[in-house]
Amino acid sequence: MIDTGDTAWVLISAALVFLMTPGLGFFYGGMVRSKNVLTTIMQSFFIVAMVSVEWVLIGYTMTFGADINGFIGSLDKIGLAGVGMNVLENGTIPELAFVAFQCMFAVITPALITGAFAERMKFAAFRTFHPALGHLHL
């Protein structure tokens, strides 16, 4: 049975982590020279969009899908197939709320990594750094 308090807490937590990612971009933007501020902020906003799409398409199923020999998740939930408002096993929140919560941590992790190469990489190089985007010309 869905617990509204637990669900609200998870969704509010997901929203707060979502706000951390642009905040991180502005934080890193404040530590670089003025000519690199826009690039640094764009990296964080770009990561929000790209990782969210990746999480929905394949990340969730490979992380939380039925495991294959205890190594990696299967593709049974690719593109969130079969994921809905059903309650997680032994849980009190809808699976979609869990997906959103975990997605935000999948987003903030690479955003934290961008601080390691702030001012050392142009946006085009950063975009190419991501394997799924190497063929795109934005």
C-alpha atoms as a PDB file:
ATOM      1  CA  MET A   1       0.000   0.000   0.000  1.00  0.00           C
ATOM      2  CA  ILE A   2       1.289   3.470  -0.908  1.00  0.00           C
ATOM      3  CA  ASP A   3       2.255   5.629   2.055  1.00  0.00           C
ATOM      4  CA  THR A   4       1.642   9.265   1.092  1.00  0.00           C
ATOM      5  CA  GLY A   5       4.139  10.571   3.639  1.00  0.00           C
ATOM      6  CA  ASP A   6       6.937   8.325   2.377  1.00  0.00           C
ATOM      7  CA  THR A   7       6.104   9.199  -1.220  1.00  0.00           C
ATOM      8  CA  ALA A   8       6.084  12.930  -0.486  1.00  0.00           C
ATOM      9  CA  TRP A   9       9.427  12.652   1.319  1.00  0.00           C
ATOM     10  CA  VAL A  10      11.053  10.794  -1.582  1.00  0.00           C
ATOM     11  CA  LEU A  11       9.710  13.251  -4.174  1.00  0.00           C
ATOM     12  CA  ILE A  12      10.792  16.294  -2.143  1.00  0.00           C
ATOM     13  CA  SER A  13      14.227  14.736  -1.708  1.00  0.00           C
ATOM     14  CA  ALA A  14      14.440  14.105  -5.452  1.00  0.00           C
ATOM     15  CA  ALA A  15      13.479  17.729  -6.124  1.00  0.00           C
ATOM     16  CA  LEU A  16      16.162  18.995  -3.749  1.00  0.00           C
ATOM     17  CA  VAL A  17      18.837  16.874  -5.419  1.00  0.00           C
ATOM     18  CA  PHE A  18      17.557  18.110  -8.787  1.00  0.00           C
ATOM     19  CA  LEU A  19      18.177  21.695  -7.602  1.00  0.00           C
ATOM     20  CA  MET A  20      21.664  20.749  -6.447  1.00  0.00           C
ATOM     21  CA  THR A  21      22.858  20.076 -10.001  1.00  0.00           C
ATOM     22  CA  PRO A  22      22.356  23.610 -11.419  1.00  0.00           C
ATOM     23  CA  GLY A  23      23.542  24.930  -8.054  1.00  0.00           C
ATOM     24  CA  LEU A  24      26.706  22.932  -8.503  1.00  0.00           C
ATOM     25  CA  GLY A  25      27.126  24.452 -11.962  1.00  0.00           C
ATOM     26  CA  PHE A  26      26.855  27.951 -10.514  1.00  0.00           C
ATOM     27  CA  PHE A  27      29.257  27.004  -7.716  1.00  0.00           C
ATOM     28  CA  TYR A  28      31.850  25.765 -10.190  1.00  0.00           C
ATOM     29  CA  GLY A  29      31.110  28.818 -12.358  1.00  0.00           C
ATOM     30  CA  GLY A  30      32.108  31.019  -9.442  1.00  0.00           C
ATOM     31  CA  MET A  31      35.486  29.322  -9.182  1.00  0.00           C
ATOM     32  CA  VAL A  32      36.585  29.704 -12.804  1.00  0.00           C
ATOM     33  CA  ARG A  33      37.709  32.683 -14.860  1.00  0.00           C
ATOM     34  CA  SER A  34      34.926  34.787 -16.351  1.00  0.00           C
ATOM     35  CA  LYS A  35      35.503  33.453 -19.872  1.00  0.00           C
ATOM     36  CA  ASN A  36      34.735  29.891 -18.688  1.00  0.00           C
ATOM     37  CA  VAL A  37      31.645  30.554 -16.558  1.00  0.00           C
ATOM     38  CA  LEU A  38      29.122  29.811 -19.299  1.00  0.00           C
ATOM     39  CA  THR A  39      30.839  26.564 -20.287  1.00  0.00           C
ATOM     40  CA  THR A  40      30.941  25.375 -16.694  1.00  0.00           C
ATOM     41  CA  ILE A  41      27.253  26.125 -16.120  1.00  0.00           C
ATOM     42  CA  MET A  42      26.254  24.584 -19.460  1.00  0.00           C
ATOM     43  CA  GLN A  43      27.990  21.357 -18.520  1.00  0.00           C
ATOM     44  CA  SER A  44      25.753  20.925 -15.468  1.00  0.00           C
ATOM     45  CA  PHE A  45      22.546  21.717 -17.353  1.00  0.00           C
ATOM     46  CA  PHE A  46      23.572  19.425 -20.206  1.00  0.00           C
ATOM     47  CA  ILE A  47      24.225  16.594 -17.758  1.00  0.00           C
ATOM     48  CA  VAL A  48      20.725  16.975 -16.276  1.00  0.00           C
ATOM     49  CA  ALA A  49      19.159  16.460 -19.693  1.00  0.00           C
ATOM     50  CA  MET A  50      21.460  13.750 -21.014  1.00  0.00           C
ATOM     51  CA  VAL A  51      21.720  11.535 -17.949  1.00  0.00           C
ATOM     52  CA  SER A  52      17.967  11.757 -17.317  1.00  0.00           C
ATOM     53  CA  VAL A  53      17.290  10.384 -20.792  1.00  0.00           C
ATOM     54  CA  GLU A  54      19.925   7.680 -20.370  1.00  0.00           C
ATOM     55  CA  TRP A  55      18.511   6.717 -16.960  1.00  0.00           C
ATOM     56  CA  VAL A  56      14.983   6.341 -18.320  1.00  0.00           C
ATOM     57  CA  LEU A  57      16.030   4.410 -21.428  1.00  0.00           C
ATOM     58  CA  ILE A  58      18.533   1.948 -20.034  1.00  0.00           C
ATOM     59  CA  GLY A  59      20.047   2.969 -16.682  1.00  0.00           C
ATOM     60  CA  TYR A  60      17.161   1.975 -14.446  1.00  0.00           C
ATOM     61  CA  THR A  61      16.724  -1.470 -15.962  1.00  0.00           C
ATOM     62  CA  MET A  62      20.453  -2.235 -15.830  1.00  0.00           C
ATOM     63  CA  THR A  63      20.628  -1.111 -12.213  1.00  0.00           C
ATOM     64  CA  PHE A  64      17.366  -2.371 -10.738  1.00  0.00           C
ATOM     65  CA  GLY A  65      16.134  -4.914 -13.289  1.00  0.00           C
ATOM     66  CA  ALA A  66      16.218  -8.653 -12.641  1.00  0.00           C
ATOM     67  CA  ASP A  67      19.895  -9.549 -12.397  1.00  0.00           C
ATOM     68  CA  ILE A  68      21.763 -11.653 -14.930  1.00  0.00           C
ATOM     69  CA  ASN A  69      23.988 -14.089 -13.032  1.00  0.00           C
ATOM     70  CA  GLY A  70      24.210 -11.597 -10.171  1.00  0.00           C
ATOM     71  CA  PHE A  71      26.237  -9.239 -12.352  1.00  0.00           C
ATOM     72  CA  ILE A  72      24.013  -6.700 -14.113  1.00  0.00           C
ATOM     73  CA  GLY A  73      20.323  -6.043 -14.590  1.00  0.00           C
ATOM     74  CA  SER A  74      18.393  -7.408 -17.523  1.00  0.00           C
ATOM     75  CA  LEU A  75      16.669  -5.270 -20.111  1.00  0.00           C
ATOM     76  CA  ASP A  76      13.172  -6.226 -18.981  1.00  0.00           C
ATOM     77  CA  LYS A  77      12.382  -2.625 -17.943  1.00  0.00           C
ATOM     78  CA  ILE A  78      14.047  -0.865 -20.886  1.00  0.00           C
ATOM     79  CA  GLY A  79      12.495   2.540 -21.417  1.00  0.00           C
ATOM     80  CA  LEU A  80      10.628   2.003 -18.125  1.00  0.00           C
ATOM     81  CA  ALA A  81       8.468  -0.711 -19.678  1.00  0.00           C
ATOM     82  CA  GLY A  82       6.088  -2.040 -17.048  1.00  0.00           C
ATOM     83  CA  VAL A  83       7.089   0.602 -14.512  1.00  0.00           C
ATOM     84  CA  GLY A  84       4.188   2.520 -13.048  1.00  0.00           C
ATOM     85  CA  MET A  85       2.426   3.418  -9.855  1.00  0.00           C
ATOM     86  CA  ASN A  86       2.761  -0.090  -8.473  1.00  0.00           C
ATOM     87  CA  VAL A  87       4.383  -0.261  -5.042  1.00  0.00           C
ATOM     88  CA  LEU A  88       7.871  -1.670  -4.840  1.00  0.00           C
ATOM     89  CA  GLU A  89       8.264  -5.050  -3.179  1.00  0.00           C
ATOM     90  CA  ASN A  90       8.584  -4.562   0.591  1.00  0.00           C
ATOM     91  CA  GLY A  91       8.146  -0.818   0.032  1.00  0.00           C
ATOM     92  CA  THR A  92       5.658   1.956   0.523  1.00  0.00           C
ATOM     93  CA  ILE A  93       6.331   4.218  -2.473  1.00  0.00           C
ATOM     94  CA  PRO A  94       5.386   3.932  -6.149  1.00  0.00           C
ATOM     95  CA  GLU A  95       8.109   2.630  -8.426  1.00  0.00           C
ATOM     96  CA  LEU A  96       8.031   5.833 -10.508  1.00  0.00           C
ATOM     97  CA  ALA A  97       8.886   7.881  -7.414  1.00  0.00           C
ATOM     98  CA  PHE A  98      11.818   5.546  -6.794  1.00  0.00           C
ATOM     99  CA  VAL A  99      12.907   5.956 -10.439  1.00  0.00           C
ATOM    100  CA  ALA A 100      12.865   9.760 -10.097  1.00  0.00           C
ATOM    101  CA  PHE A 101      14.790   9.670  -6.815  1.00  0.00           C
ATOM    102  CA  GLN A 102      17.508   7.385  -8.148  1.00  0.00           C
ATOM    103  CA  CYS A 103      17.683   9.358 -11.405  1.00  0.00           C
ATOM    104  CA  MET A 104      18.667  12.490  -9.531  1.00  0.00           C
ATOM    105  CA  PHE A 105      21.662  10.736  -8.016  1.00  0.00           C
ATOM    106  CA  ALA A 106      22.591   9.373 -11.432  1.00  0.00           C
ATOM    107  CA  VAL A 107      22.552  13.017 -12.596  1.00  0.00           C
ATOM    108  CA  ILE A 108      24.506  14.628  -9.757  1.00  0.00           C
ATOM    109  CA  THR A 109      27.362  12.110  -9.869  1.00  0.00           C
ATOM    110  CA  PRO A 110      28.787  13.077 -13.300  1.00  0.00           C
ATOM    111  CA  ALA A 111      28.010  16.721 -12.522  1.00  0.00           C
ATOM    112  CA  LEU A 112      30.361  16.472  -9.537  1.00  0.00           C
ATOM    113  CA  ILE A 113      33.037  15.046 -11.804  1.00  0.00           C
ATOM    114  CA  THR A 114      32.953  18.151 -14.023  1.00  0.00           C
ATOM    115  CA  GLY A 115      34.695  20.059 -11.252  1.00  0.00           C
ATOM    116  CA  ALA A 116      37.804  17.960 -11.859  1.00  0.00           C
ATOM    117  CA  PHE A 117      38.274  19.427 -15.326  1.00  0.00           C
ATOM    118  CA  ALA A 118      36.722  22.885 -14.919  1.00  0.00           C
ATOM    119  CA  GLU A 119      38.470  25.354 -17.269  1.00  0.00           C
ATOM    120  CA  ARG A 120      40.410  22.545 -18.914  1.00  0.00           C
ATOM    121  CA  MET A 121      37.828  21.494 -21.489  1.00  0.00           C
ATOM    122  CA  LYS A 122      35.649  23.363 -23.963  1.00  0.00           C
ATOM    123  CA  PHE A 123      31.987  22.452 -24.180  1.00  0.00           C
ATOM    124  CA  ALA A 124      32.420  20.657 -27.531  1.00  0.00           C
ATOM    125  CA  ALA A 125      35.143  18.475 -26.031  1.00  0.00           C
ATOM    126  CA  PHE A 126      32.988  17.818 -22.977  1.00  0.00           C
ATOM    127  CA  ARG A 127      30.074  16.776 -25.195  1.00  0.00           C
ATOM    128  CA  THR A 128      32.335  14.428 -27.134  1.00  0.00           C
ATOM    129  CA  PHE A 129      33.675  12.998 -23.866  1.00  0.00           C
ATOM    130  CA  HIS A 130      30.294  11.373 -23.365  1.00  0.00           C
ATOM    131  CA  PRO A 131      30.322   8.145 -25.456  1.00  0.00           C
ATOM    132  CA  ALA A 132      26.675   8.375 -26.488  1.00  0.00           C
ATOM    133  CA  LEU A 133      27.176  11.865 -27.869  1.00  0.00           C
ATOM    134  CA  GLY A 134      30.365  11.459 -29.850  1.00  0.00           C
ATOM    135  CA  HIS A 135      28.532  11.371 -33.168  1.00  0.00           C
ATOM    136  CA  LEU A 136      26.294  14.388 -32.528  1.00  0.00           C
ATOM    137  CA  HIS A 137      27.260  17.859 -33.691  1.00  0.00           C
ATOM    138  CA  LEU A 138      25.434  20.283 -31.411  1.00  0.00           C
END
